[in-house]
C-alpha atoms as a PDB file:
ATOM      1  CA  MET A   1       0.333   0.367  -0.208  1.00  0.00           C
ATOM      2  CA  LYS A   2       3.093   2.655   0.712  1.00  0.00           C
ATOM      3  CA  ASN A   3       4.289   1.550  -2.545  1.00  0.00           C
ATOM      4  CA  LEU A   4       1.462   2.253  -3.891  1.00  0.00           C
ATOM      5  CA  LYS A   5       1.192   5.770  -2.782  1.00  0.00           C
ATOM      6  CA  PHE A   6       4.274   6.022  -2.908  1.00  0.00           C
ATOM      7  CA  LEU A   7       3.547   5.688  -6.551  1.00  0.00           C
ATOM      8  CA  LEU A   8       0.666   7.106  -7.090  1.00  0.00           C
ATOM      9  CA  ILE A   9       2.772  10.474  -5.890  1.00  0.00           C
ATOM     10  CA  THR A  10       5.519   9.904  -7.664  1.00  0.00           C
ATOM     11  CA  LEU A  11       3.743  10.169 -10.571  1.00  0.00           C
ATOM     12  CA  VAL A  12       1.611  13.254 -10.321  1.00  0.00           C
ATOM     13  CA  SER A  13       4.836  14.781  -9.128  1.00  0.00           C
ATOM     14  CA  GLY A  14       5.748  13.710 -12.927  1.00  0.00           C
ATOM     15  CA  VAL A  15       2.631  14.737 -14.157  1.00  0.00           C
ATOM     16  CA  ALA A  16       2.667  18.142 -12.771  1.00  0.00           C
ATOM     17  CA  LEU A  17       6.128  18.489 -14.175  1.00  0.00           C
ATOM     18  CA  ILE A  18       6.049  18.257 -17.075  1.00  0.00           C
ATOM     19  CA  SER A  19       3.044  20.666 -17.297  1.00  0.00           C
ATOM     20  CA  CYS A  20       4.204  22.876 -15.396  1.00  0.00           C
ATOM     21  CA  LYS A  21       7.339  22.453 -18.262  1.00  0.00           C
ATOM     22  CA  ASP A  22       5.330  22.258 -20.937  1.00  0.00           C
ATOM     23  CA  GLU A  23       3.552  26.296 -19.765  1.00  0.00           C
ATOM     24  CA  LYS A  24       6.589  27.850 -19.750  1.00  0.00           C
ATOM     25  CA  GLN A  25       7.181  26.404 -23.178  1.00  0.00           C
ATOM     26  CA  THR A  26       3.791  27.573 -24.632  1.00  0.00           C
ATOM     27  CA  ASN A  27       4.637  30.742 -22.369  1.00  0.00           C
ATOM     28  CA  ALA A  28       8.762  31.314 -24.125  1.00  0.00           C
ATOM     29  CA  GLU A  29       6.699  30.025 -27.535  1.00  0.00           C
ATOM     30  CA  LYS A  30       4.613  33.009 -27.796  1.00  0.00           C
ATOM     31  CA  GLU A  31       6.605  35.618 -26.244  1.00  0.00           C
ATOM     32  CA  VAL A  32       8.819  34.447 -29.059  1.00  0.00           C
ATOM     33  CA  VAL A  33       6.068  34.619 -31.372  1.00  0.00           C
ATOM     34  CA  ALA A  34       5.074  38.687 -30.126  1.00  0.00           C
ATOM     35  CA  TYR A  35       8.388  39.751 -30.571  1.00  0.00           C
ATOM     36  CA  GLU A  36       8.274  38.410 -34.112  1.00  0.00           C
ATOM     37  CA  MET A  37       5.112  39.210 -34.880  1.00  0.00           C
ATOM     38  CA  TYR A  38       6.118  42.767 -33.376  1.00  0.00           C
ATOM     39  CA  VAL A  39       8.493  43.885 -35.319  1.00  0.00           C
ATOM     40  CA  ASP A  40       7.915  42.302 -38.764  1.00  0.00           C
ATOM     41  CA  SER A  41       4.672  44.457 -38.185  1.00  0.00           C
ATOM     42  CA  LEU A  42       6.998  47.782 -38.065  1.00  0.00           C
ATOM     43  CA  ASN A  43       7.873  47.330 -41.680  1.00  0.00           C
ATOM     44  CA  ASN A  44       4.496  48.202 -42.683  1.00  0.00           C
ATOM     45  CA  VAL A  45       4.416  51.898 -41.205  1.00  0.00           C
ATOM     46  CA  ALA A  46       4.928  54.610 -42.239  1.00  0.00           C
ATOM     47  CA  LEU A  47       7.502  57.038 -42.323  1.00  0.00           C
ATOM     48  CA  SER A  48       4.852  60.433 -40.963  1.00  0.00           C
ATOM     49  CA  ASP A  49       3.996  57.405 -37.977  1.00  0.00           C
ATOM     50  CA  LEU A  50       7.539  56.867 -36.960  1.00  0.00           C
ATOM     51  CA  LYS A  51       9.002  60.913 -36.506  1.00  0.00           C
ATOM     52  CA  THR A  52       6.066  60.744 -33.909  1.00  0.00           C
ATOM     53  CA  ASN A  53       5.722  57.354 -33.107  1.00  0.00           C
ATOM     54  CA  TRP A  54       9.293  57.218 -33.062  1.00  0.00           C
ATOM     55  CA  ASP A  55       9.550  56.216 -28.724  1.00  0.00           C
ATOM     56  CA  SER A  56       6.570  54.751 -28.283  1.00  0.00           C
ATOM     57  CA  ILE A  57       8.135  52.341 -30.771  1.00  0.00           C
ATOM     58  CA  GLU A  58      11.759  51.904 -28.870  1.00  0.00           C
ATOM     59  CA  ASN A  59      10.195  51.737 -25.867  1.00  0.00           C
ATOM     60  CA  ASP A  60       7.806  48.859 -27.432  1.00  0.00           C
ATOM     61  CA  HIS A  61      10.548  46.814 -28.887  1.00  0.00           C
ATOM     62  CA  GLU A  62      12.300  47.071 -26.208  1.00  0.00           C
ATOM     63  CA  ARG A  63       9.418  45.812 -23.621  1.00  0.00           C
ATOM     64  CA  ARG A  64       8.506  42.857 -25.768  1.00  0.00           C
ATOM     65  CA  LYS A  65      12.436  41.901 -25.937  1.00  0.00           C
ATOM     66  CA  ILE A  66      13.238  41.891 -23.225  1.00  0.00           C
ATOM     67  CA  ALA A  67       9.833  40.034 -22.540  1.00  0.00           C
ATOM     68  CA  ALA A  68      11.347  37.473 -25.029  1.00  0.00           C
ATOM     69  CA  GLU A  69      14.151  36.591 -23.710  1.00  0.00           C
ATOM     70  CA  VAL A  70      12.258  36.291 -19.978  1.00  0.00           C
ATOM     71  CA  ALA A  71      10.124  33.260 -21.643  1.00  0.00           C
ATOM     72  CA  LEU A  72      13.231  31.453 -22.105  1.00  0.00           C
ATOM     73  CA  GLN A  73      15.262  31.353 -18.383  1.00  0.00           C
ATOM     74  CA  ASP A  74      13.874  28.925 -17.111  1.00  0.00           C
ATOM     75  CA  LEU A  75      14.632  26.748 -20.517  1.00  0.00           C
ATOM     76  CA  GLU A  76      16.720  23.399 -20.277  1.00  0.00           C
ATOM     77  CA  ASP A  77      16.039  23.391 -24.121  1.00  0.00           C
ATOM     78  CA  ARG A  78      15.949  27.247 -25.854  1.00  0.00           C
ATOM     79  CA  GLU A  79      18.423  27.714 -28.631  1.00  0.00           C
ATOM     80  CA  GLU A  80      16.358  27.972 -31.742  1.00  0.00           C
ATOM     81  CA  LEU A  81      13.992  30.480 -29.848  1.00  0.00           C
ATOM     82  CA  GLU A  82      16.802  32.066 -28.399  1.00  0.00           C
ATOM     83  CA  GLY A  83      18.077  31.988 -31.850  1.00  0.00           C
ATOM     84  CA  LYS A  84      14.252  33.556 -33.148  1.00  0.00           C
ATOM     85  CA  ILE A  85      15.299  36.349 -30.685  1.00  0.00           C
ATOM     86  CA  ILE A  86      18.568  37.444 -32.061  1.00  0.00           C
ATOM     87  CA  VAL A  87      17.182  37.224 -36.263  1.00  0.00           C
ATOM     88  CA  SER A  88      14.446  39.717 -34.897  1.00  0.00           C
ATOM     89  CA  SER A  89      16.545  41.851 -33.003  1.00  0.00           C
ATOM     90  CA  GLU A  90      18.802  42.219 -35.385  1.00  0.00           C
ATOM     91  CA  LYS A  91      15.578  42.761 -38.383  1.00  0.00           C
ATOM     92  CA  TYR A  92      14.739  45.194 -36.660  1.00  0.00           C
ATOM     93  CA  GLU A  93      18.580  47.167 -35.910  1.00  0.00           C
ATOM     94  CA  LEU A  94      18.297  47.187 -39.549  1.00  0.00           C
ATOM     95  CA  TYR A  95      15.346  48.543 -39.576  1.00  0.00           C
ATOM     96  CA  LYS A  96      16.549  50.703 -36.705  1.00  0.00           C
ATOM     97  CA  ALA A  97      19.428  52.055 -39.038  1.00  0.00           C
ATOM     98  CA  ASN A  98      17.797  52.770 -41.949  1.00  0.00           C
ATOM     99  CA  TYR A  99      14.708  54.607 -40.447  1.00  0.00           C
ATOM    100  CA  LEU A 100      17.582  56.691 -38.337  1.00  0.00           C
ATOM    101  CA  ALA A 101      19.039  57.354 -41.452  1.00  0.00           C
ATOM    102  CA  GLN A 102      16.411  59.308 -42.887  1.00  0.00           C
ATOM    103  CA  GLN A 103      16.282  61.861 -39.755  1.00  0.00           C
ATOM    104  CA  PRO A 104      19.500  63.294 -39.412  1.00  0.00           C
ATOM    105  CA  LYS A 105      19.736  65.495 -42.528  1.00  0.00           C
ATOM    106  CA  ALA A 106      16.193  66.750 -41.705  1.00  0.00           C
ATOM    107  CA  ALA A 107      17.838  66.990 -37.928  1.00  0.00           C
ATOM    108  CA  THR A 108      20.395  68.367 -39.401  1.00  0.00           C
ATOM    109  CA  LYS A 109      19.264  71.003 -41.719  1.00  0.00           C
ATOM    110  CA  SER A 110      16.675  72.158 -38.762  1.00  0.00           C
ATOM    111  CA  ILE A 111      19.381  73.162 -36.608  1.00  0.00           C
ATOM    112  CA  VAL A 112      21.559  74.742 -39.057  1.00  0.00           C
ATOM    113  CA  ARG A 113      18.716  76.770 -40.182  1.00  0.00           C
ATOM    114  CA  THR A 114      17.675  77.970 -36.729  1.00  0.00           C
ATOM    115  CA  ALA A 115      20.963  78.700 -35.542  1.00  0.00           C
ATOM    116  CA  LEU A 116      21.494  80.966 -39.044  1.00  0.00           C
ATOM    117  CA  PHE A 117      18.211  83.096 -39.415  1.00  0.00           C
ATOM    118  CA  GLY A 118      16.602  82.399 -35.353  1.00  0.00           C
ATOM    119  CA  SER A 119      13.390  81.568 -35.736  1.00  0.00           C
ATOM    120  CA  GLU A 120      12.364  83.232 -38.675  1.00  0.00           C
ATOM    121  CA  ASP A 121      10.828  81.120 -40.769  1.00  0.00           C
ATOM    122  CA  ILE A 122      12.806  80.924 -44.369  1.00  0.00           C
ATOM    123  CA  GLY A 123      10.765  78.636 -46.273  1.00  0.00           C
ATOM    124  CA  ASP A 124      11.191  76.518 -48.563  1.00  0.00           C
ATOM    125  CA  ASP A 125      11.387  78.743 -50.971  1.00  0.00           C
ATOM    126  CA  MET A 126      13.661  81.226 -49.570  1.00  0.00           C
ATOM    127  CA  ALA A 127      12.345  84.472 -50.207  1.00  0.00           C
ATOM    128  CA  PHE A 128      13.055  85.771 -47.520  1.00  0.00           C
ATOM    129  CA  SER A 129      10.689  88.542 -47.256  1.00  0.00           C
ATOM    130  CA  TRP A 130      10.738  89.291 -43.401  1.00  0.00           C
ATOM    131  CA  VAL A 131      14.415  90.690 -44.361  1.00  0.00           C
ATOM    132  CA  ASN A 132      14.310  94.377 -44.962  1.00  0.00           C
ATOM    133  CA  LYS A 133      16.062  97.400 -45.514  1.00  0.00           C
ATOM    134  CA  ASP A 134      16.615  98.069 -40.775  1.00  0.00           C
ATOM    135  CA  ASN A 135      17.747  94.479 -40.182  1.00  0.00           C
ATOM    136  CA  ILE A 136      19.651  93.080 -43.179  1.00  0.00           C
ATOM    137  CA  LEU A 137      22.940  94.249 -41.270  1.00  0.00           C
ATOM    138  CA  ARG A 138      22.137  92.176 -38.502  1.00  0.00           C
ATOM    139  CA  VAL A 139      20.754  89.597 -40.432  1.00  0.00           C
ATOM    140  CA  TYR A 140      24.192  89.025 -42.793  1.00  0.00           C
ATOM    141  CA  ASP A 141      26.029  89.561 -39.856  1.00  0.00           C
ATOM    142  CA  ASN A 142      24.656  86.711 -37.175  1.00  0.00           C
ATOM    143  CA  PHE A 143      24.674  84.396 -40.847  1.00  0.00           C
ATOM    144  CA  THR A 144      28.563  85.365 -41.571  1.00  0.00           C
ATOM    145  CA  SER A 145      29.367  85.228 -37.943  1.00  0.00           C
ATOM    146  CA  THR A 146      27.324  82.217 -37.001  1.00  0.00           C
ATOM    147  CA  VAL A 147      29.093  80.121 -40.488  1.00  0.00           C
ATOM    148  CA  GLU A 148      32.707  81.340 -39.105  1.00  0.00           C
ATOM    149  CA  LYS A 149      32.185  80.041 -34.401  1.00  0.00           C
ATOM    150  CA  ASN A 150      31.079  77.182 -36.153  1.00  0.00           C
ATOM    151  CA  LYS A 151      32.608  75.569 -39.383  1.00  0.00           C
ATOM    152  CA  GLU A 152      34.781  72.334 -37.523  1.00  0.00           C
ATOM    153  CA  SER A 153      31.523  71.729 -36.950  1.00  0.00           C
ATOM    154  CA  TYR A 154      29.758  71.369 -40.998  1.00  0.00           C
ATOM    155  CA  SER A 155      29.757  68.244 -43.402  1.00  0.00           C
ATOM    156  CA  ARG A 156      29.572  68.934 -47.033  1.00  0.00           C
ATOM    157  CA  GLU A 157      26.318  68.514 -46.742  1.00  0.00           C
ATOM    158  CA  ASP A 158      25.833  71.989 -43.901  1.00  0.00           C
ATOM    159  CA  TRP A 159      27.696  73.625 -46.395  1.00  0.00           C
ATOM    160  CA  ASP A 160      26.042  72.886 -49.331  1.00  0.00           C
ATOM    161  CA  GLU A 161      22.588  74.533 -47.483  1.00  0.00           C
ATOM    162  CA  ILE A 162      24.729  76.929 -46.348  1.00  0.00           C
ATOM    163  CA  LYS A 163      25.553  77.782 -49.993  1.00  0.00           C
ATOM    164  CA  LEU A 164      22.186  78.090 -51.042  1.00  0.00           C
ATOM    165  CA  TYR A 165      21.179  80.059 -48.482  1.00  0.00           C
ATOM    166  CA  TYR A 166      23.795  82.776 -48.336  1.00  0.00           C
ATOM    167  CA  GLU A 167      23.321  83.263 -52.573  1.00  0.00           C
ATOM    168  CA  ALA A 168      18.510  83.546 -51.536  1.00  0.00           C
ATOM    169  CA  LEU A 169      20.316  85.792 -48.846  1.00  0.00           C
ATOM    170  CA  ASP A 170      22.227  88.045 -51.377  1.00  0.00           C
ATOM    171  CA  THR A 171      19.165  88.304 -53.968  1.00  0.00           C
ATOM    172  CA  ARG A 172      17.306  89.401 -51.309  1.00  0.00           C
ATOM    173  CA  LYS A 173      19.711  92.463 -50.801  1.00  0.00           C
ATOM    174  CA  ASN A 174      19.228  93.050 -53.618  1.00  0.00           C
ATOM    175  CA  THR A 175      15.597  93.728 -53.322  1.00  0.00           C
ATOM    176  CA  VAL A 176      16.087  95.749 -50.110  1.00  0.00           C
ATOM    177  CA  GLU A 177      19.502  97.721 -52.655  1.00  0.00           C
ATOM    178  CA  ASN A 178      15.697  99.067 -54.076  1.00  0.00           C
ATOM    179  CA  GLU A 179      13.970  99.730 -50.992  1.00  0.00           C
ATOM    180  CA  GLY A 180      16.378 102.447 -48.820  1.00  0.00           C
ATOM    181  CA  LEU A 181      19.570 100.343 -48.042  1.00  0.00           C
ATOM    182  CA  SER A 182      20.794 102.634 -46.486  1.00  0.00           C
ATOM    183  CA  GLY A 183      25.023 103.450 -48.049  1.00  0.00           C
ATOM    184  CA  SER A 184      26.720 102.752 -44.446  1.00  0.00           C
ATOM    185  CA  ASP A 185      24.788  99.111 -44.368  1.00  0.00           C
ATOM    186  CA  ASN A 186      25.467  98.259 -47.797  1.00  0.00           C
ATOM    187  CA  MET A 187      29.085  99.444 -47.331  1.00  0.00           C
ATOM    188  CA  LYS A 188      29.547  97.541 -44.052  1.00  0.00           C
ATOM    189  CA  ILE A 189      27.530  94.049 -45.760  1.00  0.00           C
ATOM    190  CA  ALA A 190      30.384  94.230 -48.464  1.00  0.00           C
ATOM    191  CA  SER A 191      32.484  94.083 -46.122  1.00  0.00           C
ATOM    192  CA  ILE A 192      31.167  91.165 -44.984  1.00  0.00           C
ATOM    193  CA  LYS A 193      30.981  89.224 -47.935  1.00  0.00           C
ATOM    194  CA  PHE A 194      34.215  89.639 -48.808  1.00  0.00           C
ATOM    195  CA  LYS A 195      36.008  88.773 -45.841  1.00  0.00           C
ATOM    196  CA  PHE A 196      33.313  85.481 -45.958  1.00  0.00           C
ATOM    197  CA  ALA A 197      33.057  84.507 -49.550  1.00  0.00           C
ATOM    198  CA  PRO A 198      36.534  82.733 -49.673  1.00  0.00           C
ATOM    199  CA  LEU A 199      36.154  80.969 -45.828  1.00  0.00           C
ATOM    200  CA  LEU A 200      33.045  79.740 -47.331  1.00  0.00           C
ATOM    201  CA  LYS A 201      34.885  78.537 -50.151  1.00  0.00           C
ATOM    202  CA  ALA A 202      37.553  77.333 -48.514  1.00  0.00           C
ATOM    203  CA  ASN A 203      35.742  75.252 -46.337  1.00  0.00           C
ATOM    204  CA  ARG A 204      33.839  74.286 -49.014  1.00  0.00           C
ATOM    205  CA  MET A 205      35.766  72.707 -51.203  1.00  0.00           C
ATOM    206  CA  GLY A 206      37.679  71.013 -48.107  1.00  0.00           C
ATOM    207  CA  SER A 207      34.878  69.484 -47.009  1.00  0.00           C
ATOM    208  CA  LYS A 208      34.074  68.491 -50.771  1.00  0.00           C
ATOM    209  CA  ALA A 209      38.129  66.680 -50.526  1.00  0.00           C
ATOM    210  CA  GLU A 210      37.631  65.037 -47.046  1.00  0.00           C
ATOM    211  CA  GLU A 211      34.469  62.967 -48.269  1.00  0.00           C
ATOM    212  CA  ASN A 212      36.411  62.034 -51.138  1.00  0.00           C
ATOM    213  CA  SER A 213      39.179  60.762 -49.050  1.00  0.00           C
ATOM    214  CA  GLU A 214      36.831  58.550 -47.082  1.00  0.00           C
ATOM    215  CA  ALA A 215      35.428  57.638 -49.258  1.00  0.00           C
ATOM    216  CA  LYS A 216      38.465  55.918 -51.436  1.00  0.00           C
ATOM    217  CA  GLU A 217      39.278  54.737 -47.846  1.00  0.00           C
END
């Protein structure tokens, strides 16, 4: 009788252990599949939505990845599931890299533009309609001094952008000259332009040469 009871207890314990293992395995598989599906779903997210929700996406990804990894901790045979997590993680990192590669240009453009012109909206047409005879000297002075101060940090794309802004500002100056620009301010602007032109040319050419050199390495 004692042997029978012991056998029954052992059998029940074994079933419970198997059941527990099966439950952990099922839960782990569920978490890994959820992580895989989440990463794969990101390919269907519009770029505009990514910009708005990127922080949320980063947090969701981290949470789901951790949940999948934690679910595997108590499994003895987990290599296959670990491999799936690694594959999805690499997919996400590639996805993230592709997304971020599109962002710096726009972000840097905005930062450079703000530094050069403050909060003024120059618009995509760069008409500089807000520049007039009373503030054009200050605009030129701030523009050139800002470029001088930050010249070591600009990329080739930044220098190309700066050149476009500078040429657009010069175009606006031609209009402002006919709208009552004082001779004194005009002379000061001419002096600023005389000093700035070689700086712009040298640094822009230098950044292109550096980029070409790096591309060959």
